[in-house]
Amino acid sequence: MEDTDDREGFVRASRVNVVSNAAKVIVEGSVGFAFGSLALVADAAHSVADLVASVVVLVWGSASYDEADATHPHGHGRIEPLSALFVGAVIALLGLTLLYESMVGVVGEPEVSYSPVLLGALAFAVVSMYAVYRYTVRVNRRVNSPALRALAKDCLNDIYTSIAATVGVVGLALGYPVLDPFAGGLVSFIVVYQGVEIGRENVGYLVGSAPEDDKQDEIRETALGHPEVRGVHDFKAFYDGTDIEVEMHVEVDGDQTLREAHEVESDVVRRVREVETVGDVHVHLDPSGIGEWKEKGRRG
C-alpha cells in the first residue's frame, strides 16, 4: 500500500511539473518573441528543457515503482536516477546554447522593445514556479525520489532565472537594452551549473558509489548493536539505484546451533533494513575469534 501511495504521489507531482512548465513556455515564449526579449526567450527555452525533463521523469520515473521481475531481479530502482541524469544533461546542453546566444546579443545590437507585459509574464513565471516547487518538495518528503528532487531543484532554479530575466527587462525599461542579453547570459550560466549538479549527483547512484562515511558507520553500528553480534568485517555498502545495498560478514558465537544462527542473521538483516535508504542486505555468518578477517579494525 505504501509503494502504491508513493507511486501515485510521484505521478501527481510529475504531472503538475509538466503542466506548469508547458504554461510557462507558452506565456514567456510568446511574450518574449513578441517584444524581442532575449532574457524572456532564454527563460522560456529553459522551461522547454524542463518540460522535456518532467515528461521523461513522468514516463521513466514511474516505472521505477514496478515490481522486480525475471529481467530485473533487483527491481527497477535505477530508472529513477537515469531519468534524473537525463534531466541534468538536457538542462546543461541547452544552457550552453543559450549562453552562446546571449554573448552574441551583448556584442551585437539587441533589437528589443519594452512593455509592462514582459514584467507580467515574469511575475506569472515566478509565482507559478514557486507554487510548484513547494508542492513537489512536500510530496517528496514522503516519496524521497531523486527524480522529483531534481525537478524541485529546477523549479527553484526557474525562480532564479526569472528574477535574472527581470533585471534585464527593468534595464530595458530604464533605457539600457544591453542588459537584456546580459540577463540572458546570467540565466544561461545558472542553467548550466544546475544541470551539471543534477547530473553529478545521479551518476553516483548509477555507478554504485559508496554512501557517505556517516551512513556507513550508522549501518555498521546497527549490526553491531545486536546482542549476539561479536564483530563485523568485510563490510561493503554501495548504491543500487537510490537504495543502499549492504554486504557484510557478521561474527557470532561459533557454538550456536544452525537454527539459532539463522535467527540472528534474520534479525540483523531486519534491523539494518530499517536504516533509512537501505534496500537489500546480505549477511554471511562467521564464528568469532578464528582470526581470518580481512579488516582487522572492525570488531565490535
Protein backbone atom coordinates (compact mmCIF):
# COMPACT_ATOMS: atom_id res chain seq x y z
CA MET A 1 0.00 0.00 0.00
CA GLU A 2 2.84 2.40 0.85
CA ASP A 3 4.52 1.78 -2.53
CA THR A 4 1.19 2.42 -4.26
CA ASP A 5 0.73 5.71 -2.40
CA ASP A 6 4.30 6.75 -3.22
CA ARG A 7 3.78 5.98 -6.89
CA GLU A 8 0.55 7.98 -7.00
CA GLY A 9 2.23 10.93 -5.29
CA PHE A 10 5.17 10.70 -7.69
CA VAL A 11 2.88 10.68 -10.73
CA ARG A 12 0.78 13.62 -9.45
CA ALA A 13 3.84 15.74 -8.73
CA SER A 14 5.34 14.88 -12.13
CA ARG A 15 2.13 15.85 -13.91
CA VAL A 16 1.97 19.16 -12.05
CA ASN A 17 5.51 19.90 -13.23
CA VAL A 18 4.61 19.01 -16.82
CA VAL A 19 1.55 21.28 -16.89
CA SER A 20 3.26 24.21 -15.16
CA ASN A 21 6.30 24.08 -17.44
CA ALA A 22 4.08 23.95 -20.51
CA ALA A 23 2.19 27.03 -19.32
CA LYS A 24 5.44 28.88 -18.59
CA VAL A 25 6.80 28.09 -22.06
CA ILE A 26 3.65 29.39 -23.75
CA VAL A 27 3.43 32.61 -21.71
CA GLU A 28 7.11 33.59 -21.65
CA GLY A 29 7.87 32.35 -25.14
CA SER A 30 5.04 34.22 -26.84
CA VAL A 31 5.71 37.46 -24.92
CA GLY A 32 9.49 37.22 -25.39
CA PHE A 33 9.25 36.70 -29.15
CA ALA A 34 6.63 39.42 -29.49
CA PHE A 35 8.89 42.07 -27.92
CA GLY A 36 12.30 40.62 -28.85
CA SER A 37 13.45 39.99 -25.27
CA LEU A 38 16.36 37.55 -25.24
CA ALA A 39 16.07 37.27 -21.45
CA LEU A 40 12.48 36.02 -21.67
CA VAL A 41 13.23 33.77 -24.62
CA ALA A 42 16.14 32.23 -22.70
CA ASP A 43 13.92 31.69 -19.66
CA ALA A 44 11.21 30.13 -21.85
CA ALA A 45 13.78 27.92 -23.58
CA HIS A 46 14.98 26.78 -20.18
CA SER A 47 11.40 25.77 -19.47
CA VAL A 48 11.31 23.79 -22.72
CA ALA A 49 14.14 21.70 -21.29
CA ASP A 50 12.22 21.48 -18.03
CA LEU A 51 9.13 20.36 -19.91
CA VAL A 52 11.02 17.60 -21.71
CA ALA A 53 12.70 16.58 -18.45
CA SER A 54 9.44 16.46 -16.50
CA VAL A 55 7.82 14.34 -19.21
CA VAL A 56 10.78 11.94 -19.07
CA VAL A 57 10.55 11.78 -15.28
CA LEU A 58 6.82 11.10 -15.51
CA VAL A 59 7.27 8.26 -18.02
CA TRP A 60 10.56 6.72 -16.87
CA GLY A 61 10.48 7.58 -13.19
CA SER A 62 7.11 5.99 -12.51
CA ALA A 63 8.49 2.74 -13.94
CA SER A 64 10.93 2.58 -11.01
CA TYR A 65 7.99 1.53 -8.82
CA ASP A 66 7.38 -1.62 -10.88
CA GLU A 67 7.95 -4.87 -9.01
CA ALA A 68 11.08 -6.96 -9.57
CA ASP A 69 10.75 -9.47 -12.39
CA ALA A 70 12.79 -12.08 -14.24
CA THR A 71 14.65 -9.47 -16.31
CA HIS A 72 15.18 -7.05 -13.39
CA PRO A 73 15.57 -9.23 -10.26
CA HIS A 74 16.65 -6.25 -8.15
CA GLY A 75 13.71 -4.12 -9.28
CA HIS A 76 13.69 -1.01 -11.44
CA GLY A 77 15.20 1.48 -8.99
CA ARG A 78 17.98 2.62 -11.33
CA ILE A 79 15.45 4.03 -13.79
CA GLU A 80 14.86 6.99 -11.46
CA PRO A 81 18.45 8.29 -11.31
CA LEU A 82 18.75 7.56 -15.03
CA SER A 83 15.81 9.85 -15.72
CA ALA A 84 17.24 12.48 -13.36
CA LEU A 85 20.59 12.25 -15.16
CA PHE A 86 18.77 12.90 -18.43
CA VAL A 87 17.19 15.98 -16.83
CA GLY A 88 20.62 17.34 -15.90
CA ALA A 89 22.14 16.64 -19.33
CA VAL A 90 19.31 18.35 -21.23
CA ILE A 91 19.43 21.38 -18.95
CA ALA A 92 23.23 21.75 -19.23
CA LEU A 93 23.30 21.43 -23.03
CA LEU A 94 20.50 23.92 -23.54
CA GLY A 95 22.16 26.31 -21.10
CA LEU A 96 25.37 26.26 -23.14
CA THR A 97 23.41 27.06 -26.31
CA LEU A 98 21.64 29.98 -24.66
CA LEU A 99 24.92 31.26 -23.20
CA TYR A 100 26.34 31.48 -26.72
CA GLU A 101 23.26 33.31 -27.99
CA SER A 102 23.46 35.78 -25.12
CA MET A 103 27.12 36.52 -25.86
CA VAL A 104 26.19 37.23 -29.47
CA GLY A 105 23.45 39.57 -28.24
CA VAL A 106 25.86 41.50 -25.99
CA VAL A 107 28.38 42.00 -28.79
CA GLY A 108 25.75 42.90 -31.38
CA GLU A 109 22.88 45.37 -31.35
CA PRO A 110 19.94 43.91 -29.39
CA GLU A 111 16.59 44.60 -31.02
CA VAL A 112 14.15 44.63 -28.14
CA SER A 113 11.30 46.88 -27.02
CA TYR A 114 9.94 47.34 -23.50
CA SER A 115 6.37 46.58 -22.43
CA PRO A 116 4.79 46.03 -18.99
CA VAL A 117 3.58 42.74 -20.43
CA LEU A 118 7.17 41.46 -20.11
CA LEU A 119 7.11 42.00 -16.36
CA GLY A 120 3.65 40.44 -16.14
CA ALA A 121 4.90 37.29 -17.86
CA LEU A 122 7.86 37.08 -15.49
CA ALA A 123 5.63 37.59 -12.45
CA PHE A 124 3.45 34.70 -13.65
CA ALA A 125 6.58 32.55 -14.04
CA VAL A 126 7.90 33.29 -10.54
CA VAL A 127 4.60 32.74 -8.75
CA SER A 128 3.69 29.54 -10.61
CA MET A 129 7.14 28.00 -10.22
CA TYR A 130 7.25 28.77 -6.51
CA ALA A 131 3.88 27.07 -6.02
CA VAL A 132 5.05 24.01 -7.97
CA TYR A 133 8.33 23.95 -6.04
CA ARG A 134 6.53 23.90 -2.68
CA TYR A 135 4.16 21.17 -3.84
CA THR A 136 6.95 18.98 -5.26
CA VAL A 137 9.04 19.31 -2.08
CA ARG A 138 6.03 18.44 0.07
CA VAL A 139 5.30 15.29 -1.94
CA ASN A 140 8.96 14.29 -1.97
CA ARG A 141 9.23 14.38 1.82
CA ARG A 142 7.26 11.14 1.71
CA VAL A 143 8.38 9.72 -1.64
CA ASN A 144 12.13 10.56 -1.34
CA SER A 145 12.68 10.43 -5.11
CA PRO A 146 15.90 11.79 -6.70
CA ALA A 147 13.96 12.49 -9.90
CA LEU A 148 11.41 14.63 -8.03
CA ARG A 149 14.26 16.23 -6.11
CA ALA A 150 15.82 17.16 -9.46
CA LEU A 151 12.53 18.67 -10.64
CA ALA A 152 12.15 20.60 -7.38
CA LYS A 153 15.67 22.00 -7.74
CA ASP A 154 14.86 23.01 -11.26
CA CYS A 155 11.67 24.78 -10.12
CA LEU A 156 13.79 26.78 -7.69
CA ASN A 157 16.27 27.35 -10.47
CA ASP A 158 13.39 28.67 -12.61
CA ILE A 159 12.66 31.30 -9.98
CA TYR A 160 16.29 32.45 -10.00
CA THR A 161 16.43 32.61 -13.79
CA SER A 162 13.14 34.53 -13.95
CA ILE A 163 14.48 37.03 -11.42
CA ALA A 164 17.63 37.41 -13.52
CA ALA A 165 15.47 37.95 -16.59
CA THR A 166 13.53 40.59 -14.67
CA VAL A 167 16.77 42.54 -14.17
CA GLY A 168 17.23 42.61 -17.93
CA VAL A 169 13.67 43.78 -18.54
CA VAL A 170 13.96 46.51 -15.88
CA GLY A 171 17.20 47.65 -17.52
CA LEU A 172 15.35 47.74 -20.80
CA ALA A 173 12.66 49.95 -19.25
CA LEU A 174 15.38 52.32 -17.97
CA GLY A 175 16.93 52.67 -21.42
CA TYR A 176 19.72 50.09 -21.23
CA PRO A 177 18.76 47.40 -23.78
CA VAL A 178 22.14 45.67 -23.48
CA LEU A 179 21.10 44.46 -20.01
CA ASP A 180 18.60 42.11 -21.64
CA PRO A 181 21.22 39.82 -23.29
CA PHE A 182 23.39 40.23 -20.17
CA ALA A 183 20.50 38.86 -18.13
CA GLY A 184 20.05 36.10 -20.69
CA GLY A 185 23.70 35.15 -20.21
CA LEU A 186 23.32 35.04 -16.43
CA VAL A 187 20.23 32.86 -16.80
CA SER A 188 22.14 30.53 -19.10
CA PHE A 189 25.08 30.23 -16.69
CA ILE A 190 22.74 29.28 -13.83
CA VAL A 191 21.07 26.72 -16.09
CA VAL A 192 24.40 25.07 -16.98
CA TYR A 193 25.52 24.93 -13.34
CA GLN A 194 22.27 23.38 -12.15
CA GLY A 195 22.33 20.77 -14.93
CA VAL A 196 25.88 19.73 -14.03
CA GLU A 197 24.99 19.43 -10.32
CA ILE A 198 21.94 17.27 -11.03
CA GLY A 199 23.98 15.02 -13.31
CA ARG A 200 26.85 14.68 -10.84
CA GLU A 201 24.53 13.55 -8.04
CA ASN A 202 22.81 10.88 -10.11
CA VAL A 203 25.94 9.47 -11.75
CA GLY A 204 26.91 8.30 -8.26
CA TYR A 205 23.65 6.39 -7.95
CA LEU A 206 24.14 4.71 -11.32
CA VAL A 207 27.78 3.61 -10.95
CA GLY A 208 27.36 2.12 -7.47
CA SER A 209 29.23 4.72 -5.42
CA ALA A 210 29.64 4.20 -1.69
CA PRO A 211 27.42 6.30 0.61
CA GLU A 212 28.88 8.88 2.97
CA ASP A 213 31.08 7.65 5.83
CA ASP A 214 28.46 8.65 8.41
CA LYS A 215 25.85 6.48 6.72
CA GLN A 216 28.24 3.52 6.52
CA ASP A 217 29.06 3.92 10.21
CA GLU A 218 25.34 4.02 11.04
CA ILE A 219 24.74 0.77 9.15
CA ARG A 220 27.72 -0.95 10.73
CA GLU A 221 26.80 0.17 14.25
CA THR A 222 23.24 -1.06 13.72
CA ALA A 223 24.56 -4.54 13.01
CA LEU A 224 26.96 -4.39 15.94
CA GLY A 225 24.08 -3.34 18.18
CA HIS A 226 22.60 -6.83 18.06
CA PRO A 227 23.40 -8.58 21.38
CA GLU A 228 24.63 -11.75 19.65
CA VAL A 229 26.98 -10.00 17.22
CA ARG A 230 30.67 -10.06 18.25
CA GLY A 231 32.08 -8.21 15.26
CA VAL A 232 31.61 -7.12 11.63
CA HIS A 233 34.16 -7.42 8.84
CA ASP A 234 34.36 -7.41 5.01
CA PHE A 235 31.78 -4.62 5.11
CA LYS A 236 30.61 -3.08 1.84
CA ALA A 237 27.84 -0.55 1.20
CA PHE A 238 27.06 0.88 -2.22
CA TYR A 239 24.20 2.46 -4.12
CA ASP A 240 21.99 0.25 -6.26
CA GLY A 241 19.92 2.98 -7.83
CA THR A 242 18.80 5.22 -4.99
CA ASP A 243 18.85 2.43 -2.39
CA ILE A 244 21.94 1.32 -0.48
CA GLU A 245 22.86 -2.34 -0.82
CA VAL A 246 24.86 -3.83 2.07
CA GLU A 247 27.17 -6.84 2.17
CA MET A 248 28.98 -7.89 5.35
CA HIS A 249 30.33 -10.77 7.36
CA VAL A 250 28.96 -10.90 10.91
CA GLU A 251 30.82 -12.69 13.72
CA VAL A 252 28.74 -14.72 16.17
CA ASP A 253 29.31 -17.45 18.75
CA GLY A 254 30.54 -20.49 16.82
CA ASP A 255 28.85 -22.88 19.23
CA GLN A 256 25.33 -21.76 18.29
CA THR A 257 23.04 -24.20 16.56
CA LEU A 258 22.21 -23.62 12.90
CA ARG A 259 18.69 -22.55 13.84
CA GLU A 260 19.96 -20.06 16.44
CA ALA A 261 22.49 -18.62 13.98
CA HIS A 262 19.79 -18.32 11.32
CA GLU A 263 17.59 -16.35 13.72
CA VAL A 264 20.48 -13.98 14.47
CA GLU A 265 21.13 -13.47 10.75
CA SER A 266 17.44 -12.74 10.05
CA ASP A 267 17.27 -10.26 12.90
CA VAL A 268 20.43 -8.45 11.80
CA VAL A 269 19.06 -8.17 8.24
CA ARG A 270 15.77 -6.80 9.55
CA ARG A 271 17.50 -4.22 11.77
CA VAL A 272 19.79 -2.98 9.01
CA ARG A 273 16.95 -2.74 6.51
CA GLU A 274 15.22 -0.34 8.90
CA VAL A 275 18.05 2.17 8.39
CA GLU A 276 16.83 4.92 6.07
CA THR A 277 17.58 4.38 2.33
CA VAL A 278 18.91 0.83 2.88
CA GLY A 279 17.50 -1.75 0.47
CA ASP A 280 18.94 -5.25 0.13
CA VAL A 281 21.13 -6.60 2.95
CA HIS A 282 23.35 -9.67 2.54
CA VAL A 283 24.83 -11.18 5.70
CA HIS A 284 27.33 -14.03 5.93
CA LEU A 285 27.81 -15.51 9.41
CA ASP A 286 31.29 -16.41 10.70
CA PRO A 287 32.32 -17.92 14.05
CA SER A 288 34.03 -15.28 16.17
CA GLY A 289 37.65 -15.48 17.26
CA ILE A 290 39.25 -17.56 14.48
CA GLY A 291 41.37 -14.61 13.27
CA GLU A 292 40.87 -14.81 9.50
CA TRP A 293 39.25 -11.38 9.00
CA LYS A 294 40.42 -9.09 6.23
CA GLU A 295 39.58 -5.93 8.15
CA LYS A 296 41.38 -6.05 11.49
CA GLY A 297 39.93 -2.89 12.94
CA ARG A 298 36.23 -3.68 12.54
CA ARG A 299 35.49 -5.65 15.70
CA GLY A 300 32.64 -4.66 17.99
